[in-house]
Structures are given as C-alpha cells and as structure tokens.
C-alpha cells in the first residue's frame, strides 16, 4: 500500500508533504483502493458518474477518515463539476476527515478515471 501512495505522490502535481499522508495511513490496516473508468458517456455526465460509481463501492456504515483521490479526464473540470465532486466526497467522510485531491488532464479521447485510497 505504501508503494502505491509513493507512486501517486511522486508526481509533480501534488504540493503536500508525503508525511502528511504517510503517517495517517501507516498505522491503519483497513486502507482500501478503489478505481473506476467511465467511457462513452457525455462529457457533462462523466465526472458525476465516476465519483458516484466510486463512492457507491465504499461499504455503508463505516467512518471514512482519510482519502486520497486521483481524478484523470480528457478535459479540465468546470467549477460546477468540481463542486459536485467535492460534495459527494465530503458527504462520504467524517467531519474531521483529511481529503487530498489530485485532478489531472490526460490526452486520451473520451476518458475519465478516478481512483481513491481511503482508511476508516
């Protein structure tokens, strides 16, 4: 699991200290990874479908305390799409949860992918 964190954090796009993430996750055995690609839907629905698909896979009734979210798309998200994404994420975690976002543009037509690592 720590190798996966380091691979995600090795990009130049994240401006946080790796220890801010390594320490909360290192003592938890329940860290999980979920990913989902969504292709073939309209651009306006892609981000919403992806985030809802990912978060529907988290078991109900657990308290999610830490999330690293990586989102890749063939275009930048609009402010409204980012707001929808963060609303779903924030409603799925505890009030004092730590959430780290990584949004990235990729040069692949009709592509949208999201992966999260979470600990409860």
C-alpha atoms as a PDB file:
ATOM      1  CA  UNK A   1       0.000   0.000   0.000  1.00  0.00           C
ATOM      2  CA  UNK A   2       2.804   2.430   0.854  1.00  0.00           C
ATOM      3  CA  UNK A   3       4.355   1.870  -2.608  1.00  0.00           C
ATOM      4  CA  UNK A   4       1.037   2.869  -4.164  1.00  0.00           C
ATOM      5  CA  UNK A   5       0.976   6.080  -2.088  1.00  0.00           C
ATOM      6  CA  UNK A   6       4.532   6.883  -3.095  1.00  0.00           C
ATOM      7  CA  UNK A   7       3.742   6.299  -6.780  1.00  0.00           C
ATOM      8  CA  UNK A   8       0.751   8.641  -6.597  1.00  0.00           C
ATOM      9  CA  UNK A   9       2.673  11.243  -4.641  1.00  0.00           C
ATOM     10  CA  UNK A  10       5.754  11.101  -6.855  1.00  0.00           C
ATOM     11  CA  UNK A  11       4.068  13.262  -9.488  1.00  0.00           C
ATOM     12  CA  UNK A  12       4.935  16.929  -9.592  1.00  0.00           C
ATOM     13  CA  UNK A  13       1.276  17.876  -9.312  1.00  0.00           C
ATOM     14  CA  UNK A  14       0.795  17.364  -5.583  1.00  0.00           C
ATOM     15  CA  UNK A  15       2.077  20.152  -3.374  1.00  0.00           C
ATOM     16  CA  UNK A  16       1.833  18.454   0.010  1.00  0.00           C
ATOM     17  CA  UNK A  17       4.288  16.757   2.280  1.00  0.00           C
ATOM     18  CA  UNK A  18       4.296  12.979   1.829  1.00  0.00           C
ATOM     19  CA  UNK A  19       4.387  12.578   5.631  1.00  0.00           C
ATOM     20  CA  UNK A  20       1.008  14.321   5.928  1.00  0.00           C
ATOM     21  CA  UNK A  21      -0.390  11.265   4.162  1.00  0.00           C
ATOM     22  CA  UNK A  22       2.049   8.535   5.146  1.00  0.00           C
ATOM     23  CA  UNK A  23       1.554   8.986   8.899  1.00  0.00           C
ATOM     24  CA  UNK A  24      -2.285   8.757   8.967  1.00  0.00           C
ATOM     25  CA  UNK A  25      -2.319   5.698   6.717  1.00  0.00           C
ATOM     26  CA  UNK A  26       0.713   3.838   8.052  1.00  0.00           C
ATOM     27  CA  UNK A  27      -0.946   2.560  11.245  1.00  0.00           C
ATOM     28  CA  UNK A  28      -4.230   1.571   9.616  1.00  0.00           C
ATOM     29  CA  UNK A  29      -4.728  -1.924   8.286  1.00  0.00           C
ATOM     30  CA  UNK A  30      -8.037  -1.036   6.659  1.00  0.00           C
ATOM     31  CA  UNK A  31      -6.727   1.188   3.852  1.00  0.00           C
ATOM     32  CA  UNK A  32      -8.518   0.292   0.612  1.00  0.00           C
ATOM     33  CA  UNK A  33      -8.057   1.196  -3.051  1.00  0.00           C
ATOM     34  CA  UNK A  34     -10.975   1.587  -5.474  1.00  0.00           C
ATOM     35  CA  UNK A  35     -10.788   2.689  -9.097  1.00  0.00           C
ATOM     36  CA  UNK A  36     -13.273   3.205 -11.894  1.00  0.00           C
ATOM     37  CA  UNK A  37     -13.013   4.227 -15.530  1.00  0.00           C
ATOM     38  CA  UNK A  38     -16.040   5.723 -17.244  1.00  0.00           C
ATOM     39  CA  UNK A  39     -16.078   5.914 -21.019  1.00  0.00           C
ATOM     40  CA  UNK A  40     -18.722   6.505 -23.626  1.00  0.00           C
ATOM     41  CA  UNK A  41     -20.876   8.956 -21.670  1.00  0.00           C
ATOM     42  CA  UNK A  42     -21.415  12.631 -22.325  1.00  0.00           C
ATOM     43  CA  UNK A  43     -18.723  14.985 -21.068  1.00  0.00           C
ATOM     44  CA  UNK A  44     -21.118  16.665 -18.660  1.00  0.00           C
ATOM     45  CA  UNK A  45     -22.072  13.343 -17.009  1.00  0.00           C
ATOM     46  CA  UNK A  46     -18.656  11.707 -16.901  1.00  0.00           C
ATOM     47  CA  UNK A  47     -17.284  13.238 -13.684  1.00  0.00           C
ATOM     48  CA  UNK A  48     -20.564  12.815 -11.817  1.00  0.00           C
ATOM     49  CA  UNK A  49     -20.970   9.168 -12.873  1.00  0.00           C
ATOM     50  CA  UNK A  50     -17.375   8.362 -11.992  1.00  0.00           C
ATOM     51  CA  UNK A  51     -17.462   9.830  -8.490  1.00  0.00           C
ATOM     52  CA  UNK A  52     -20.835   8.274  -7.721  1.00  0.00           C
ATOM     53  CA  UNK A  53     -19.649   4.884  -9.007  1.00  0.00           C
ATOM     54  CA  UNK A  54     -16.532   5.028  -6.815  1.00  0.00           C
ATOM     55  CA  UNK A  55     -18.305   6.112  -3.641  1.00  0.00           C
ATOM     56  CA  UNK A  56     -21.101   3.577  -4.080  1.00  0.00           C
ATOM     57  CA  UNK A  57     -18.416   0.898  -3.592  1.00  0.00           C
ATOM     58  CA  UNK A  58     -17.477   2.089  -0.092  1.00  0.00           C
ATOM     59  CA  UNK A  59     -19.346  -0.053   2.449  1.00  0.00           C
ATOM     60  CA  UNK A  60     -22.200   1.719   4.200  1.00  0.00           C
ATOM     61  CA  UNK A  61     -21.877   2.443   7.908  1.00  0.00           C
ATOM     62  CA  UNK A  62     -18.111   2.956   8.096  1.00  0.00           C
ATOM     63  CA  UNK A  63     -16.428   6.196   9.142  1.00  0.00           C
ATOM     64  CA  UNK A  64     -14.015   7.243   6.410  1.00  0.00           C
ATOM     65  CA  UNK A  65     -11.273   9.365   7.977  1.00  0.00           C
ATOM     66  CA  UNK A  66      -8.685   9.755   5.188  1.00  0.00           C
ATOM     67  CA  UNK A  67      -8.987   9.839   1.412  1.00  0.00           C
ATOM     68  CA  UNK A  68      -6.526  10.368  -1.393  1.00  0.00           C
ATOM     69  CA  UNK A  69      -8.491  10.981  -4.566  1.00  0.00           C
ATOM     70  CA  UNK A  70      -6.931  10.985  -8.021  1.00  0.00           C
ATOM     71  CA  UNK A  71      -9.112  12.081 -10.936  1.00  0.00           C
ATOM     72  CA  UNK A  72      -7.997  11.963 -14.576  1.00  0.00           C
ATOM     73  CA  UNK A  73     -10.016  13.252 -17.502  1.00  0.00           C
ATOM     74  CA  UNK A  74      -9.638  14.250 -21.120  1.00  0.00           C
ATOM     75  CA  UNK A  75     -10.626  17.789 -20.143  1.00  0.00           C
ATOM     76  CA  UNK A  76     -10.434  20.065 -17.137  1.00  0.00           C
ATOM     77  CA  UNK A  77     -13.371  20.037 -14.746  1.00  0.00           C
ATOM     78  CA  UNK A  78     -15.618  23.061 -14.596  1.00  0.00           C
ATOM     79  CA  UNK A  79     -16.209  24.767 -11.252  1.00  0.00           C
ATOM     80  CA  UNK A  80     -19.696  23.199 -11.120  1.00  0.00           C
ATOM     81  CA  UNK A  81     -18.283  19.707 -11.773  1.00  0.00           C
ATOM     82  CA  UNK A  82     -15.589  20.160  -9.144  1.00  0.00           C
ATOM     83  CA  UNK A  83     -18.262  21.336  -6.708  1.00  0.00           C
ATOM     84  CA  UNK A  84     -20.355  18.215  -7.403  1.00  0.00           C
ATOM     85  CA  UNK A  85     -17.309  16.001  -6.960  1.00  0.00           C
ATOM     86  CA  UNK A  86     -16.321  17.599  -3.661  1.00  0.00           C
ATOM     87  CA  UNK A  87     -19.927  17.494  -2.384  1.00  0.00           C
ATOM     88  CA  UNK A  88     -20.082  13.715  -2.921  1.00  0.00           C
ATOM     89  CA  UNK A  89     -16.654  13.242  -1.334  1.00  0.00           C
ATOM     90  CA  UNK A  90     -17.315  15.476   1.675  1.00  0.00           C
ATOM     91  CA  UNK A  91     -20.693  13.835   2.332  1.00  0.00           C
ATOM     92  CA  UNK A  92     -18.980  10.429   2.444  1.00  0.00           C
ATOM     93  CA  UNK A  93     -16.398  11.203   5.131  1.00  0.00           C
ATOM     94  CA  UNK A  94     -16.366  12.195   8.787  1.00  0.00           C
ATOM     95  CA  UNK A  95     -16.427  15.905   9.676  1.00  0.00           C
ATOM     96  CA  UNK A  96     -12.747  15.931  10.629  1.00  0.00           C
ATOM     97  CA  UNK A  97     -11.563  13.753   7.730  1.00  0.00           C
ATOM     98  CA  UNK A  98      -8.482  14.599   5.710  1.00  0.00           C
ATOM     99  CA  UNK A  99      -9.104  14.603   1.962  1.00  0.00           C
ATOM    100  CA  UNK A 100      -6.383  15.083  -0.642  1.00  0.00           C
ATOM    101  CA  UNK A 101      -7.384  15.775  -4.263  1.00  0.00           C
ATOM    102  CA  UNK A 102      -5.291  15.276  -7.388  1.00  0.00           C
ATOM    103  CA  UNK A 103      -7.019  16.377 -10.619  1.00  0.00           C
ATOM    104  CA  UNK A 104      -5.149  15.763 -13.839  1.00  0.00           C
ATOM    105  CA  UNK A 105      -5.734  16.297 -17.555  1.00  0.00           C
ATOM    106  CA  UNK A 106      -4.749  13.341 -19.782  1.00  0.00           C
ATOM    107  CA  UNK A 107      -4.560  13.256 -23.564  1.00  0.00           C
ATOM    108  CA  UNK A 108      -6.970  10.333 -24.176  1.00  0.00           C
ATOM    109  CA  UNK A 109     -10.225  10.874 -26.030  1.00  0.00           C
ATOM    110  CA  UNK A 110     -13.474  10.197 -24.140  1.00  0.00           C
ATOM    111  CA  UNK A 111     -11.605   9.241 -20.985  1.00  0.00           C
ATOM    112  CA  UNK A 112     -12.430   9.677 -17.320  1.00  0.00           C
ATOM    113  CA  UNK A 113     -10.819   7.704 -14.483  1.00  0.00           C
ATOM    114  CA  UNK A 114     -10.860   8.032 -10.736  1.00  0.00           C
ATOM    115  CA  UNK A 115      -9.065   6.149  -8.021  1.00  0.00           C
ATOM    116  CA  UNK A 116      -9.250   6.601  -4.281  1.00  0.00           C
ATOM    117  CA  UNK A 117      -7.345   5.252  -1.338  1.00  0.00           C
ATOM    118  CA  UNK A 118      -9.285   5.508   1.882  1.00  0.00           C
ATOM    119  CA  UNK A 119      -8.926   4.494   5.504  1.00  0.00           C
ATOM    120  CA  UNK A 120     -11.674   4.041   8.028  1.00  0.00           C
END
